[in-house]
Amino acid sequence: MKRSATLWTGCVLAGLIALVALVSLFWLPYDASDTSGTRLAGPGGSHLLGTDKLGRDLLTQLMTGSRIALAAGLGSVAIAALVGITLGLVAAFAQGWFDDTVSAFLDILIAFPTLLLAMLIVSARSATLTSAIIAIGLAQSAIVARLTRILVKRVLAQDYITASRTSGTSWPRIVGAHVLPNIWPTLAVNLALQFGLAVLAEASLSYLGLGAPPPNASWGRMLQEAQATFTTAPAGALAPGILLVLLVIGVNLVADGLRDTLDPARRRRTTA
């Protein structure tokens, strides 16, 4: 980690957003539903970043929106990891028609764009943050499951796995002692990338009105509400857009840094 500038840069960018979300739990400049401010006021005065078309403080909405972005990313990745890794392990240990069926099912799910599949799931339920997180997590679980299946099958083909089975080691112990320790670096990088995609997916759903409903301030909904007044009050669209880009870039840098740090082959090439 000391040698990875990419990892540290990503941690700083993502950490700043996380710090804003943490502060918003204890302090906000205004109440999230307070509309007492002057509509479309510019930055300065009592409203540091200005107000939106309803008179709400933009800084307050940005701070609460950071909580929604992080909750969407963490919740979706947790669901994708739980469902995807479990399904991938089952498929890797399966043989014959069951393995083929699971593989075909995963290919069908992956063929659907994550956002489209999430829209279908959210439409079948209701437009809430929980529905968005579940939908995005389930859509991403197919990608995690296929990667897990490939990695596990690669590990199971090694000679030391055959030796472990010959010595009488049970499959659960093999999974815990040999399989998971060998696949978790690659899965960690992939899940970090999925975090960034989940944040973008939640913002897209909120932009389309399928995310967290008002008065929850999602960055995607802030962009949708500010697009009509961009020429007169650009801060309402620029601020959430910039924060969204910084968070996704930060998470992607973390993923790249983890890959460089956890992959011995890449680390040797970089050192050389």
Protein backbone atom coordinates (compact mmCIF):
# COMPACT_ATOMS: atom_id res chain seq x y z
CA MET A 1 0.00 0.00 0.00
CA LYS A 2 2.90 2.37 0.66
CA ARG A 3 4.06 1.92 -2.96
CA SER A 4 0.62 2.32 -4.54
CA ALA A 5 -0.08 5.99 -5.22
CA THR A 6 -3.18 4.97 -7.17
CA LEU A 7 -4.64 3.18 -4.16
CA TRP A 8 -3.95 6.08 -1.82
CA THR A 9 -5.42 8.63 -4.27
CA GLY A 10 -8.58 6.57 -4.60
CA CYS A 11 -8.84 6.16 -0.83
CA VAL A 12 -8.55 9.93 -0.35
CA LEU A 13 -11.25 10.73 -2.93
CA ALA A 14 -13.67 8.08 -1.68
CA GLY A 15 -12.79 8.86 1.94
CA LEU A 16 -13.71 12.53 1.53
CA ILE A 17 -17.18 11.55 0.28
CA ALA A 18 -17.50 9.07 3.16
CA LEU A 19 -16.49 11.81 5.61
CA VAL A 20 -19.18 14.12 4.23
CA ALA A 21 -21.76 11.35 4.62
CA LEU A 22 -20.62 10.70 8.19
CA VAL A 23 -20.85 14.38 9.12
CA SER A 24 -24.35 14.57 7.62
CA LEU A 25 -25.53 12.02 10.18
CA PHE A 26 -24.84 14.51 12.98
CA TRP A 27 -25.00 17.94 11.38
CA LEU A 28 -26.69 19.59 8.39
CA PRO A 29 -26.79 23.30 7.52
CA TYR A 30 -30.58 23.14 7.09
CA ASP A 31 -33.33 20.60 7.31
CA ALA A 32 -33.56 18.55 4.14
CA SER A 33 -37.19 19.59 3.56
CA ASP A 34 -36.66 23.29 4.44
CA THR A 35 -37.91 25.43 1.52
CA SER A 36 -37.62 28.82 3.23
CA GLY A 37 -34.68 29.98 1.12
CA THR A 38 -34.85 32.18 -1.95
CA ARG A 39 -35.42 30.05 -5.04
CA LEU A 40 -32.40 29.53 -7.31
CA ALA A 41 -30.18 31.73 -5.14
CA GLY A 42 -26.53 31.79 -6.12
CA PRO A 43 -23.67 30.59 -3.93
CA GLY A 44 -22.85 32.77 -0.94
CA GLY A 45 -24.52 34.29 2.06
CA SER A 46 -26.45 31.93 4.30
CA HIS A 47 -26.49 29.28 1.56
CA LEU A 48 -22.90 28.38 0.74
CA LEU A 49 -23.70 26.66 -2.58
CA GLY A 50 -27.04 28.34 -3.24
CA THR A 51 -30.55 26.91 -3.39
CA ASP A 52 -32.62 24.89 -5.85
CA LYS A 53 -35.87 25.77 -7.57
CA LEU A 54 -37.84 24.99 -4.40
CA GLY A 55 -35.62 27.06 -2.12
CA ARG A 56 -33.82 24.12 -0.51
CA ASP A 57 -30.18 24.44 0.50
CA LEU A 58 -27.93 22.70 -2.05
CA LEU A 59 -25.17 21.89 0.43
CA THR A 60 -27.69 20.09 2.66
CA GLN A 61 -28.95 18.05 -0.31
CA LEU A 62 -25.43 17.19 -1.41
CA MET A 63 -24.52 15.97 2.07
CA THR A 64 -27.63 13.80 2.39
CA GLY A 65 -27.14 12.60 -1.17
CA SER A 66 -23.70 11.29 -0.24
CA ARG A 67 -25.36 8.97 2.29
CA ILE A 68 -27.69 7.60 -0.38
CA ALA A 69 -24.82 7.09 -2.84
CA LEU A 70 -22.71 5.18 -0.31
CA ALA A 71 -25.69 3.18 0.96
CA ALA A 72 -26.57 2.18 -2.61
CA GLY A 73 -22.99 1.14 -3.36
CA LEU A 74 -22.39 -0.79 -0.15
CA GLY A 75 -25.82 -2.43 -0.09
CA SER A 76 -25.70 -3.48 -3.73
CA VAL A 77 -22.17 -4.88 -3.43
CA ALA A 78 -23.12 -6.81 -0.27
CA ILE A 79 -26.08 -8.43 -2.05
CA ALA A 80 -24.02 -9.12 -5.17
CA ALA A 81 -21.24 -10.70 -3.10
CA LEU A 82 -23.57 -12.85 -0.99
CA VAL A 83 -25.68 -14.14 -3.87
CA GLY A 84 -22.94 -14.19 -6.50
CA ILE A 85 -20.23 -15.94 -4.50
CA THR A 86 -22.68 -18.53 -3.16
CA LEU A 87 -24.10 -19.26 -6.62
CA GLY A 88 -20.62 -19.32 -8.13
CA LEU A 89 -19.36 -21.84 -5.57
CA VAL A 90 -22.36 -24.09 -6.15
CA ALA A 91 -21.90 -23.91 -9.93
CA ALA A 92 -18.15 -24.60 -9.68
CA PHE A 93 -18.64 -27.74 -7.60
CA ALA A 94 -21.56 -28.92 -9.73
CA GLN A 95 -21.09 -31.29 -12.62
CA GLY A 96 -22.91 -32.13 -15.82
CA TRP A 97 -26.31 -30.66 -16.63
CA PHE A 98 -26.58 -28.60 -13.44
CA ASP A 99 -23.36 -26.75 -14.18
CA ASP A 100 -24.48 -26.14 -17.77
CA THR A 101 -27.89 -24.89 -16.60
CA VAL A 102 -26.43 -22.47 -14.07
CA SER A 103 -23.88 -21.21 -16.61
CA ALA A 104 -26.59 -20.59 -19.21
CA PHE A 105 -28.75 -18.80 -16.64
CA LEU A 106 -25.85 -16.53 -15.68
CA ASP A 107 -25.12 -15.76 -19.32
CA ILE A 108 -28.75 -14.74 -19.86
CA LEU A 109 -28.70 -12.44 -16.84
CA ILE A 110 -25.40 -10.87 -17.89
CA ALA A 111 -26.81 -10.27 -21.38
CA PHE A 112 -29.29 -7.83 -19.84
CA PRO A 113 -27.79 -4.39 -19.03
CA THR A 114 -27.60 -3.85 -15.29
CA LEU A 115 -29.69 -0.69 -15.44
CA LEU A 116 -32.41 -2.30 -17.56
CA LEU A 117 -32.69 -5.30 -15.24
CA ALA A 118 -32.76 -2.99 -12.23
CA MET A 119 -35.52 -0.91 -13.84
CA LEU A 120 -37.63 -4.05 -14.36
CA ILE A 121 -37.20 -5.13 -10.74
CA VAL A 122 -37.90 -1.66 -9.34
CA SER A 123 -40.98 -1.30 -11.54
CA ALA A 124 -42.33 -4.59 -10.21
CA ARG A 125 -41.87 -3.37 -6.64
CA SER A 126 -41.98 0.28 -5.66
CA ALA A 127 -39.66 3.24 -6.24
CA THR A 128 -37.68 3.22 -2.99
CA LEU A 129 -34.01 3.17 -2.10
CA THR A 130 -34.34 -0.38 -0.76
CA SER A 131 -35.88 -1.57 -4.03
CA ALA A 132 -33.08 0.11 -5.99
CA ILE A 133 -30.38 -1.51 -3.85
CA ILE A 134 -31.96 -4.97 -4.15
CA ALA A 135 -32.42 -4.57 -7.89
CA ILE A 136 -28.87 -3.39 -8.54
CA GLY A 137 -27.41 -6.04 -6.23
CA LEU A 138 -29.29 -8.88 -7.94
CA ALA A 139 -28.34 -7.58 -11.37
CA GLN A 140 -24.66 -7.47 -10.41
CA SER A 141 -24.72 -10.86 -8.68
CA ALA A 142 -24.67 -12.65 -12.05
CA ILE A 143 -21.32 -11.03 -12.92
CA VAL A 144 -19.87 -11.94 -9.54
CA ALA A 145 -21.22 -15.50 -9.80
CA ARG A 146 -19.66 -16.13 -13.20
CA LEU A 147 -16.30 -14.75 -12.08
CA THR A 148 -16.44 -16.84 -8.90
CA ARG A 149 -17.27 -19.98 -10.87
CA ILE A 150 -14.30 -19.45 -13.21
CA LEU A 151 -11.87 -18.73 -10.38
CA VAL A 152 -13.01 -21.68 -8.25
CA LYS A 153 -12.78 -24.14 -11.14
CA ARG A 154 -9.27 -22.90 -11.80
CA VAL A 155 -8.29 -23.54 -8.18
CA LEU A 156 -9.98 -26.95 -8.07
CA ALA A 157 -7.89 -28.07 -11.04
CA GLN A 158 -4.65 -27.64 -9.07
CA ASP A 159 -2.69 -30.67 -7.89
CA TYR A 160 -2.71 -29.63 -4.23
CA ILE A 161 -6.52 -29.79 -4.22
CA THR A 162 -6.33 -33.37 -5.45
CA ALA A 163 -3.77 -34.11 -2.74
CA SER A 164 -6.03 -32.57 -0.10
CA ARG A 165 -8.98 -34.68 -1.20
CA THR A 166 -6.78 -37.80 -1.25
CA SER A 167 -5.72 -37.12 2.33
CA GLY A 168 -9.36 -36.99 3.39
CA THR A 169 -9.90 -33.22 3.69
CA SER A 170 -13.58 -32.32 3.48
CA TRP A 171 -14.95 -29.98 0.80
CA PRO A 172 -15.98 -27.26 3.30
CA ARG A 173 -12.44 -27.18 4.69
CA ILE A 174 -10.98 -27.05 1.20
CA VAL A 175 -13.20 -24.09 0.39
CA GLY A 176 -12.18 -22.25 3.54
CA ALA A 177 -8.49 -23.14 3.52
CA HIS A 178 -7.65 -23.18 -0.19
CA VAL A 179 -10.39 -21.84 -2.46
CA LEU A 180 -11.46 -18.58 -0.82
CA PRO A 181 -7.91 -17.41 0.08
CA ASN A 182 -6.89 -17.85 -3.55
CA ILE A 183 -9.86 -16.11 -5.17
CA TRP A 184 -10.55 -13.22 -2.79
CA PRO A 185 -7.96 -10.77 -4.28
CA THR A 186 -9.60 -10.93 -7.71
CA LEU A 187 -13.07 -10.79 -6.20
CA ALA A 188 -12.11 -7.76 -4.08
CA VAL A 189 -11.04 -5.84 -7.19
CA ASN A 190 -14.20 -6.80 -9.04
CA LEU A 191 -16.46 -5.85 -6.13
CA ALA A 192 -14.73 -2.47 -5.90
CA LEU A 193 -15.54 -1.90 -9.57
CA GLN A 194 -19.11 -3.05 -8.99
CA PHE A 195 -19.40 -0.45 -6.21
CA GLY A 196 -18.76 2.35 -8.69
CA LEU A 197 -21.22 0.88 -11.17
CA ALA A 198 -23.84 0.56 -8.41
CA VAL A 199 -23.47 4.25 -7.53
CA LEU A 200 -23.98 5.19 -11.18
CA ALA A 201 -26.94 2.82 -11.49
CA GLU A 202 -28.64 4.31 -8.42
CA ALA A 203 -28.10 7.83 -9.76
CA SER A 204 -29.57 6.76 -13.10
CA LEU A 205 -32.61 5.20 -11.46
CA SER A 206 -33.15 8.32 -9.35
CA TYR A 207 -32.80 10.47 -12.46
CA LEU A 208 -35.60 8.43 -14.04
CA GLY A 209 -37.75 8.70 -10.88
CA LEU A 210 -37.21 5.07 -9.85
CA GLY A 211 -34.84 5.66 -6.94
CA ALA A 212 -35.20 7.14 -3.48
CA PRO A 213 -38.39 9.25 -3.37
CA PRO A 214 -38.53 12.82 -1.98
CA PRO A 215 -37.58 14.25 0.45
CA ASN A 216 -34.52 12.00 0.11
CA ALA A 217 -31.92 13.97 -1.84
CA SER A 218 -30.30 11.65 -4.37
CA TRP A 219 -27.61 13.07 -6.64
CA GLY A 220 -29.38 11.61 -9.66
CA ARG A 221 -32.68 13.29 -8.79
CA MET A 222 -30.84 16.56 -8.12
CA LEU A 223 -29.43 16.38 -11.65
CA GLN A 224 -32.89 15.73 -13.08
CA GLU A 225 -34.44 18.64 -11.19
CA ALA A 226 -31.64 21.06 -12.07
CA GLN A 227 -31.44 20.39 -15.81
CA ALA A 228 -34.27 22.84 -16.60
CA THR A 229 -32.54 25.68 -14.73
CA PHE A 230 -28.94 24.91 -15.69
CA THR A 231 -28.40 28.16 -17.59
CA THR A 232 -29.66 30.35 -14.73
CA ALA A 233 -28.40 28.30 -11.75
CA PRO A 234 -25.67 25.89 -12.93
CA ALA A 235 -24.54 24.98 -9.40
CA GLY A 236 -27.59 22.77 -8.92
CA ALA A 237 -26.40 20.43 -11.67
CA LEU A 238 -22.63 20.87 -11.50
CA ALA A 239 -22.26 20.13 -7.78
CA PRO A 240 -23.92 16.67 -7.71
CA GLY A 241 -22.37 15.78 -11.06
CA ILE A 242 -18.86 16.60 -9.83
CA LEU A 243 -19.33 14.67 -6.58
CA LEU A 244 -20.68 11.67 -8.50
CA VAL A 245 -17.67 11.70 -10.83
CA LEU A 246 -15.21 12.06 -7.94
CA LEU A 247 -16.73 9.15 -6.04
CA VAL A 248 -16.72 6.83 -9.06
CA ILE A 249 -13.16 7.83 -10.01
CA GLY A 250 -12.05 7.31 -6.42
CA VAL A 251 -13.55 3.84 -6.23
CA ASN A 252 -12.08 2.87 -9.61
CA LEU A 253 -8.66 4.06 -8.47
CA VAL A 254 -9.06 1.95 -5.34
CA ALA A 255 -9.85 -1.05 -7.54
CA ASP A 256 -6.79 -0.42 -9.72
CA GLY A 257 -4.63 0.05 -6.64
CA LEU A 258 -5.91 -3.17 -5.09
CA ARG A 259 -5.16 -5.04 -8.31
CA ASP A 260 -1.60 -3.70 -8.39
CA THR A 261 -1.10 -4.44 -4.69
CA LEU A 262 -2.70 -7.89 -4.48
CA ASP A 263 -1.43 -9.32 -7.79
CA PRO A 264 2.15 -10.55 -7.23
CA ALA A 265 2.88 -10.71 -10.97
CA ARG A 266 1.86 -7.10 -11.54
CA ARG A 267 3.74 -6.02 -8.41
CA ARG A 268 6.93 -7.66 -9.69
CA ARG A 269 6.56 -5.99 -13.10
CA THR A 270 5.98 -2.60 -11.47
CA THR A 271 9.00 -2.99 -9.19
CA ALA A 272 11.20 -4.11 -12.07
